[in-house]
Amino acid sequence: MKFQAIWPVLDPTMTRNELIQEGLADLPDVARRHHATITGNPAFRFLPGAHVPGSNGAITVLVAQADAEPTPHRDYWSE
């Protein structure tokens, strides 16, 4: 499966490389929250927020896409 994560670009003083490095560091945690494990190298791109569903009004967003595998949902209420 393909996994996609979106981050709004909030600090215009950061370089594209700095933003990508932050996204790369955060991607495994974002995937884990969505019950996925990243299995491939992510591809990053910058897009106008108006063109990306889920951008919540951000002018620019960083989008990562990577191959991933679903992880089973942990049922904490099992007996």
PDB file of N, CA and C in Angstrom:
ATOM      1  N   MET A   1       0.832  -1.177   0.000  1.00  0.00           N
ATOM      2  CA  MET A   1       0.000   0.000   0.000  1.00  0.00           C
ATOM      3  C   MET A   1       0.874   1.237   0.000  1.00  0.00           C
ATOM      4  N   LYS A   2       0.333   2.326  -0.457  1.00  0.00           N
ATOM      5  CA  LYS A   2       1.033   3.615  -0.388  1.00  0.00           C
ATOM      6  C   LYS A   2       0.510   4.382   0.808  1.00  0.00           C
ATOM      7  N   PHE A   3       1.418   4.971   1.560  1.00  0.00           N
ATOM      8  CA  PHE A   3       1.056   5.805   2.693  1.00  0.00           C
ATOM      9  C   PHE A   3       1.408   7.239   2.349  1.00  0.00           C
ATOM     10  N   GLN A   4       0.520   8.156   2.702  1.00  0.00           N
ATOM     11  CA  GLN A   4       0.763   9.578   2.438  1.00  0.00           C
ATOM     12  C   GLN A   4       0.621  10.360   3.731  1.00  0.00           C
ATOM     13  N   ALA A   5       1.560  11.258   3.971  1.00  0.00           N
ATOM     14  CA  ALA A   5       1.513  12.148   5.126  1.00  0.00           C
ATOM     15  C   ALA A   5       1.640  13.584   4.632  1.00  0.00           C
ATOM     16  N   ILE A   6       1.003  14.495   5.336  1.00  0.00           N
ATOM     17  CA  ILE A   6       0.981  15.907   4.940  1.00  0.00           C
ATOM     18  C   ILE A   6       1.362  16.760   6.147  1.00  0.00           C
ATOM     19  N   TRP A   7       2.287  17.700   5.927  1.00  0.00           N
ATOM     20  CA  TRP A   7       2.653  18.662   6.960  1.00  0.00           C
ATOM     21  C   TRP A   7       2.503  20.065   6.398  1.00  0.00           C
ATOM     22  N   PRO A   8       1.867  20.975   7.126  1.00  0.00           N
ATOM     23  CA  PRO A   8       1.818  22.363   6.669  1.00  0.00           C
ATOM     24  C   PRO A   8       3.189  23.006   6.837  1.00  0.00           C
ATOM     25  N   VAL A   9       3.551  23.851   5.907  1.00  0.00           N
ATOM     26  CA  VAL A   9       4.808  24.604   6.029  1.00  0.00           C
ATOM     27  C   VAL A   9       4.473  25.859   6.823  1.00  0.00           C
ATOM     28  N   LEU A  10       4.915  25.895   8.075  1.00  0.00           N
ATOM     29  CA  LEU A  10       4.573  26.996   8.975  1.00  0.00           C
ATOM     30  C   LEU A  10       5.700  28.004   9.156  1.00  0.00           C
ATOM     31  N   ASP A  11       6.930  27.577   8.910  1.00  0.00           N
ATOM     32  CA  ASP A  11       8.088  28.454   9.108  1.00  0.00           C
ATOM     33  C   ASP A  11       8.742  28.740   7.758  1.00  0.00           C
ATOM     34  N   PRO A  12       8.460  29.908   7.175  1.00  0.00           N
ATOM     35  CA  PRO A  12       9.013  30.216   5.845  1.00  0.00           C
ATOM     36  C   PRO A  12      10.523  30.431   5.835  1.00  0.00           C
ATOM     37  N   THR A  13      11.152  30.487   7.011  1.00  0.00           N
ATOM     38  CA  THR A  13      12.601  30.667   7.036  1.00  0.00           C
ATOM     39  C   THR A  13      13.356  29.349   6.898  1.00  0.00           C
ATOM     40  N   MET A  14      12.652  28.230   7.046  1.00  0.00           N
ATOM     41  CA  MET A  14      13.314  26.929   6.912  1.00  0.00           C
ATOM     42  C   MET A  14      13.515  26.593   5.440  1.00  0.00           C
ATOM     43  N   THR A  15      14.629  25.949   5.149  1.00  0.00           N
ATOM     44  CA  THR A  15      14.902  25.536   3.775  1.00  0.00           C
ATOM     45  C   THR A  15      14.076  24.291   3.450  1.00  0.00           C
ATOM     46  N   ARG A  16      13.953  24.012   2.171  1.00  0.00           N
ATOM     47  CA  ARG A  16      13.244  22.804   1.759  1.00  0.00           C
ATOM     48  C   ARG A  16      13.906  21.557   2.342  1.00  0.00           C
ATOM     49  N   ASN A  17      15.218  21.542   2.350  1.00  0.00           N
ATOM     50  CA  ASN A  17      15.937  20.389   2.893  1.00  0.00           C
ATOM     51  C   ASN A  17      15.650  20.215   4.383  1.00  0.00           C
ATOM     52  N   GLU A  18      15.620  21.314   5.138  1.00  0.00           N
ATOM     53  CA  GLU A  18      15.319  21.231   6.570  1.00  0.00           C
ATOM     54  C   GLU A  18      13.904  20.690   6.796  1.00  0.00           C
ATOM     55  N   LEU A  19      12.956  21.159   6.001  1.00  0.00           N
ATOM     56  CA  LEU A  19      11.581  20.689   6.126  1.00  0.00           C
ATOM     57  C   LEU A  19      11.468  19.203   5.789  1.00  0.00           C
ATOM     58  N   ILE A  20      12.168  18.777   4.752  1.00  0.00           N
ATOM     59  CA  ILE A  20      12.154  17.359   4.375  1.00  0.00           C
ATOM     60  C   ILE A  20      12.782  16.515   5.485  1.00  0.00           C
ATOM     61  N   GLN A  21      13.877  16.990   6.071  1.00  0.00           N
ATOM     62  CA  GLN A  21      14.511  16.241   7.166  1.00  0.00           C
ATOM     63  C   GLN A  21      13.574  16.099   8.362  1.00  0.00           C
ATOM     64  N   GLU A  22      12.813  17.165   8.667  1.00  0.00           N
ATOM     65  CA  GLU A  22      11.830  17.072   9.750  1.00  0.00           C
ATOM     66  C   GLU A  22      10.734  16.060   9.399  1.00  0.00           C
ATOM     67  N   GLY A  23      10.258  16.113   8.156  1.00  0.00           N
ATOM     68  CA  GLY A  23       9.239  15.161   7.717  1.00  0.00           C
ATOM     69  C   GLY A  23       9.741  13.730   7.767  1.00  0.00           C
ATOM     70  N   LEU A  24      10.971  13.527   7.331  1.00  0.00           N
ATOM     71  CA  LEU A  24      11.577  12.198   7.348  1.00  0.00           C
ATOM     72  C   LEU A  24      11.660  11.655   8.776  1.00  0.00           C
ATOM     73  N   ALA A  25      12.007  12.514   9.718  1.00  0.00           N
ATOM     74  CA  ALA A  25      12.101  12.086  11.115  1.00  0.00           C
ATOM     75  C   ALA A  25      10.723  11.788  11.702  1.00  0.00           C
ATOM     76  N   ASP A  26       9.701  12.517  11.279  1.00  0.00           N
ATOM     77  CA  ASP A  26       8.353  12.372  11.833  1.00  0.00           C
ATOM     78  C   ASP A  26       7.533  11.277  11.155  1.00  0.00           C
ATOM     79  N   LEU A  27       7.895  10.913   9.933  1.00  0.00           N
ATOM     80  CA  LEU A  27       7.096   9.989   9.134  1.00  0.00           C
ATOM     81  C   LEU A  27       6.802   8.652   9.828  1.00  0.00           C
ATOM     82  N   PRO A  28       7.767   7.981  10.449  1.00  0.00           N
ATOM     83  CA  PRO A  28       7.445   6.710  11.098  1.00  0.00           C
ATOM     84  C   PRO A  28       6.388   6.855  12.204  1.00  0.00           C
ATOM     85  N   ASP A  29       6.442   7.957  12.952  1.00  0.00           N
ATOM     86  CA  ASP A  29       5.458   8.176  14.013  1.00  0.00           C
ATOM     87  C   ASP A  29       4.075   8.450  13.432  1.00  0.00           C
ATOM     88  N   VAL A  30       4.011   9.231  12.365  1.00  0.00           N
ATOM     89  CA  VAL A  30       2.727   9.505  11.713  1.00  0.00           C
ATOM     90  C   VAL A  30       2.139   8.198  11.182  1.00  0.00           C
ATOM     91  N   ALA A  31       2.965   7.394  10.544  1.00  0.00           N
ATOM     92  CA  ALA A  31       2.490   6.117  10.002  1.00  0.00           C
ATOM     93  C   ALA A  31       1.984   5.214  11.122  1.00  0.00           C
ATOM     94  N   ARG A  32       2.718   5.150  12.218  1.00  0.00           N
ATOM     95  CA  ARG A  32       2.328   4.301  13.345  1.00  0.00           C
ATOM     96  C   ARG A  32       0.963   4.719  13.892  1.00  0.00           C
ATOM     97  N   ARG A  33       0.707   6.039  13.969  1.00  0.00           N
ATOM     98  CA  ARG A  33      -0.593   6.513  14.452  1.00  0.00           C
ATOM     99  C   ARG A  33      -1.729   6.100  13.519  1.00  0.00           C
ATOM    100  N   HIS A  34      -1.387   5.837  12.270  1.00  0.00           N
ATOM    101  CA  HIS A  34      -2.388   5.417  11.286  1.00  0.00           C
ATOM    102  C   HIS A  34      -2.299   3.913  11.016  1.00  0.00           C
ATOM    103  N   HIS A  35      -1.676   3.193  11.940  1.00  0.00           N
ATOM    104  CA  HIS A  35      -1.578   1.729  11.879  1.00  0.00           C
ATOM    105  C   HIS A  35      -0.875   1.247  10.611  1.00  0.00           C
ATOM    106  N   ALA A  36       0.270   1.860  10.334  1.00  0.00           N
ATOM    107  CA  ALA A  36       1.076   1.454   9.180  1.00  0.00           C
ATOM    108  C   ALA A  36       2.556   1.502   9.567  1.00  0.00           C
ATOM    109  N   THR A  37       3.346   0.730   8.845  1.00  0.00           N
ATOM    110  CA  THR A  37       4.801   0.736   8.988  1.00  0.00           C
ATOM    111  C   THR A  37       5.399   1.048   7.627  1.00  0.00           C
ATOM    112  N   ILE A  38       6.245   2.041   7.565  1.00  0.00           N
ATOM    113  CA  ILE A  38       6.889   2.428   6.317  1.00  0.00           C
ATOM    114  C   ILE A  38       7.876   1.332   5.915  1.00  0.00           C
ATOM    115  N   THR A  39       7.797   0.901   4.651  1.00  0.00           N
ATOM    116  CA  THR A  39       8.670  -0.178   4.173  1.00  0.00           C
ATOM    117  C   THR A  39       9.557   0.261   3.007  1.00  0.00           C
ATOM    118  N   GLY A  40       9.340   1.447   2.504  1.00  0.00           N
ATOM    119  CA  GLY A  40      10.131   1.917   1.367  1.00  0.00           C
ATOM    120  C   GLY A  40      10.625   3.328   1.593  1.00  0.00           C
ATOM    121  N   ASN A  41      11.471   3.781   0.688  1.00  0.00           N
ATOM    122  CA  ASN A  41      11.988   5.145   0.778  1.00  0.00           C
ATOM    123  C   ASN A  41      10.896   6.133   0.388  1.00  0.00           C
ATOM    124  N   PRO A  42      10.658   7.150   1.225  1.00  0.00           N
ATOM    125  CA  PRO A  42       9.614   8.113   0.899  1.00  0.00           C
ATOM    126  C   PRO A  42      10.051   9.100  -0.181  1.00  0.00           C
ATOM    127  N   ALA A  43       9.067   9.566  -0.919  1.00  0.00           N
ATOM    128  CA  ALA A  43       9.267  10.644  -1.880  1.00  0.00           C
ATOM    129  C   ALA A  43       8.571  11.879  -1.314  1.00  0.00           C
ATOM    130  N   PHE A  44       9.243  13.018  -1.350  1.00  0.00           N
ATOM    131  CA  PHE A  44       8.699  14.262  -0.808  1.00  0.00           C
ATOM    132  C   PHE A  44       8.472  15.264  -1.923  1.00  0.00           C
ATOM    133  N   ARG A  45       7.422  16.062  -1.756  1.00  0.00           N
ATOM    134  CA  ARG A  45       7.195  17.165  -2.682  1.00  0.00           C
ATOM    135  C   ARG A  45       6.438  18.264  -1.953  1.00  0.00           C
ATOM    136  N   PHE A  46       6.593  19.472  -2.457  1.00  0.00           N
ATOM    137  CA  PHE A  46       5.899  20.635  -1.917  1.00  0.00           C
ATOM    138  C   PHE A  46       4.773  20.987  -2.872  1.00  0.00           C
ATOM    139  N   LEU A  47       3.600  21.226  -2.303  1.00  0.00           N
ATOM    140  CA  LEU A  47       2.424  21.545  -3.116  1.00  0.00           C
ATOM    141  C   LEU A  47       1.661  22.703  -2.488  1.00  0.00           C
ATOM    142  N   PRO A  48       0.906  23.433  -3.315  1.00  0.00           N
ATOM    143  CA  PRO A  48       0.014  24.442  -2.741  1.00  0.00           C
ATOM    144  C   PRO A  48      -1.043  23.733  -1.892  1.00  0.00           C
ATOM    145  N   GLY A  49      -1.275  24.234  -0.705  1.00  0.00           N
ATOM    146  CA  GLY A  49      -2.238  23.610   0.185  1.00  0.00           C
ATOM    147  C   GLY A  49      -3.629  23.510  -0.416  1.00  0.00           C
ATOM    148  N   ALA A  50      -3.998  24.460  -1.261  1.00  0.00           N
ATOM    149  CA  ALA A  50      -5.329  24.448  -1.877  1.00  0.00           C
ATOM    150  C   ALA A  50      -5.548  23.217  -2.753  1.00  0.00           C
ATOM    151  N   HIS A  51      -4.466  22.562  -3.188  1.00  0.00           N
ATOM    152  CA  HIS A  51      -4.562  21.385  -4.054  1.00  0.00           C
ATOM    153  C   HIS A  51      -4.505  20.065  -3.295  1.00  0.00           C
ATOM    154  N   VAL A  52      -4.394  20.148  -1.952  1.00  0.00           N
ATOM    155  CA  VAL A  52      -4.196  18.930  -1.163  1.00  0.00           C
ATOM    156  C   VAL A  52      -5.298  18.811  -0.112  1.00  0.00           C
ATOM    157  N   PRO A  53      -6.180  17.827  -0.257  1.00  0.00           N
ATOM    158  CA  PRO A  53      -7.183  17.610   0.780  1.00  0.00           C
ATOM    159  C   PRO A  53      -6.508  17.343   2.126  1.00  0.00           C
ATOM    160  N   GLY A  54      -7.024  17.938   3.171  1.00  0.00           N
ATOM    161  CA  GLY A  54      -6.448  17.750   4.496  1.00  0.00           C
ATOM    162  C   GLY A  54      -5.400  18.770   4.867  1.00  0.00           C
ATOM    163  N   SER A  55      -5.160  19.764   4.005  1.00  0.00           N
ATOM    164  CA  SER A  55      -4.131  20.762   4.300  1.00  0.00           C
ATOM    165  C   SER A  55      -4.611  21.816   5.287  1.00  0.00           C
ATOM    166  N   ASN A  56      -5.896  21.844   5.560  1.00  0.00           N
ATOM    167  CA  ASN A  56      -6.467  22.759   6.562  1.00  0.00           C
ATOM    168  C   ASN A  56      -6.098  24.218   6.335  1.00  0.00           C
ATOM    169  N   GLY A  57      -6.096  24.648   5.095  1.00  0.00           N
ATOM    170  CA  GLY A  57      -5.877  26.047   4.777  1.00  0.00           C
ATOM    171  C   GLY A  57      -4.432  26.494   4.699  1.00  0.00           C
ATOM    172  N   ALA A  58      -3.485  25.577   4.843  1.00  0.00           N
ATOM    173  CA  ALA A  58      -2.066  25.952   4.740  1.00  0.00           C
ATOM    174  C   ALA A  58      -1.766  26.419   3.326  1.00  0.00           C
ATOM    175  N   ILE A  59      -0.937  27.421   3.200  1.00  0.00           N
ATOM    176  CA  ILE A  59      -0.581  27.936   1.878  1.00  0.00           C
ATOM    177  C   ILE A  59       0.254  26.910   1.127  1.00  0.00           C
ATOM    178  N   THR A  60       1.228  26.312   1.815  1.00  0.00           N
ATOM    179  CA  THR A  60       2.100  25.290   1.214  1.00  0.00           C
ATOM    180  C   THR A  60       2.159  24.102   2.159  1.00  0.00           C
ATOM    181  N   VAL A  61       2.205  22.912   1.583  1.00  0.00           N
ATOM    182  CA  VAL A  61       2.340  21.700   2.397  1.00  0.00           C
ATOM    183  C   VAL A  61       3.475  20.836   1.851  1.00  0.00           C
ATOM    184  N   LEU A  62       4.047  20.067   2.746  1.00  0.00           N
ATOM    185  CA  LEU A  62       5.022  19.045   2.382  1.00  0.00           C
ATOM    186  C   LEU A  62       4.268  17.725   2.382  1.00  0.00           C
ATOM    187  N   VAL A  63       4.356  17.003   1.280  1.00  0.00           N
ATOM    188  CA  VAL A  63       3.661  15.725   1.139  1.00  0.00           C
ATOM    189  C   VAL A  63       4.705  14.629   0.985  1.00  0.00           C
ATOM    190  N   ALA A  64       4.560  13.577   1.785  1.00  0.00           N
ATOM    191  CA  ALA A  64       5.426  12.399   1.679  1.00  0.00           C
ATOM    192  C   ALA A  64       4.574  11.225   1.256  1.00  0.00           C
ATOM    193  N   GLN A  65       5.099  10.422   0.339  1.00  0.00           N
ATOM    194  CA  GLN A  65       4.462   9.164  -0.039  1.00  0.00           C
ATOM    195  C   GLN A  65       5.518   8.071   0.043  1.00  0.00           C
ATOM    196  N   ALA A  66       5.104   6.934   0.619  1.00  0.00           N
ATOM    197  CA  ALA A  66       6.036   5.812   0.763  1.00  0.00           C
ATOM    198  C   ALA A  66       5.256   4.512   0.771  1.00  0.00           C
ATOM    199  N   ASP A  67       5.926   3.453   0.343  1.00  0.00           N
ATOM    200  CA  ASP A  67       5.341   2.125   0.485  1.00  0.00           C
ATOM    201  C   ASP A  67       5.242   1.819   1.977  1.00  0.00           C
ATOM    202  N   ALA A  68       4.162   1.126   2.342  1.00  0.00           N
ATOM    203  CA  ALA A  68       3.943   0.796   3.742  1.00  0.00           C
ATOM    204  C   ALA A  68       3.135  -0.485   3.842  1.00  0.00           C
ATOM    205  N   GLU A  69       3.178  -1.073   5.017  1.00  0.00           N
ATOM    206  CA  GLU A  69       2.379  -2.255   5.320  1.00  0.00           C
ATOM    207  C   GLU A  69       1.459  -1.905   6.487  1.00  0.00           C
ATOM    208  N   PRO A  70       0.227  -2.376   6.431  1.00  0.00           N
ATOM    209  CA  PRO A  70      -0.663  -2.134   7.578  1.00  0.00           C
ATOM    210  C   PRO A  70      -0.197  -2.917   8.792  1.00  0.00           C
ATOM    211  N   THR A  71      -0.379  -2.342   9.956  1.00  0.00           N
ATOM    212  CA  THR A  71      -0.080  -3.043  11.194  1.00  0.00           C
ATOM    213  C   THR A  71      -1.397  -3.303  11.910  1.00  0.00           C
ATOM    214  N   PRO A  72      -1.489  -4.414  12.605  1.00  0.00           N
ATOM    215  CA  PRO A  72      -2.753  -4.724  13.263  1.00  0.00           C
ATOM    216  C   PRO A  72      -3.064  -3.714  14.362  1.00  0.00           C
ATOM    217  N   HIS A  73      -4.338  -3.407  14.498  1.00  0.00           N
ATOM    218  CA  HIS A  73      -4.808  -2.521  15.547  1.00  0.00           C
ATOM    219  C   HIS A  73      -4.673  -3.259  16.878  1.00  0.00           C
ATOM    220  N   ARG A  74      -4.128  -2.606  17.880  1.00  0.00           N
ATOM    221  CA  ARG A  74      -3.960  -3.225  19.196  1.00  0.00           C
ATOM    222  C   ARG A  74      -5.236  -3.031  19.998  1.00  0.00           C
ATOM    223  N   ASP A  75      -5.814  -4.117  20.410  1.00  0.00           N
ATOM    224  CA  ASP A  75      -7.040  -4.076  21.193  1.00  0.00           C
ATOM    225  C   ASP A  75      -6.671  -4.115  22.670  1.00  0.00           C
ATOM    226  N   TYR A  76      -6.710  -2.954  23.312  1.00  0.00           N
ATOM    227  CA  TYR A  76      -6.334  -2.865  24.721  1.00  0.00           C
ATOM    228  C   TYR A  76      -7.422  -3.368  25.657  1.00  0.00           C
ATOM    229  N   TRP A  77      -8.599  -3.650  25.105  1.00  0.00           N
ATOM    230  CA  TRP A  77      -9.711  -4.056  25.958  1.00  0.00           C
ATOM    231  C   TRP A  77      -9.952  -5.563  25.918  1.00  0.00           C
ATOM    232  N   SER A  78      -9.062  -6.310  25.312  1.00  0.00           N
ATOM    233  CA  SER A  78      -9.220  -7.771  25.271  1.00  0.00           C
ATOM    234  C   SER A  78      -9.064  -8.358  26.681  1.00  0.00           C
ATOM    235  N   GLU A  79      -9.776  -9.423  26.883  1.00  0.00           N
ATOM    236  CA  GLU A  79      -9.667 -10.106  28.181  1.00  0.00           C
ATOM    237  C   GLU A  79      -8.894 -11.369  28.045  1.00  0.00           C
TER     238      GLU A  79
END
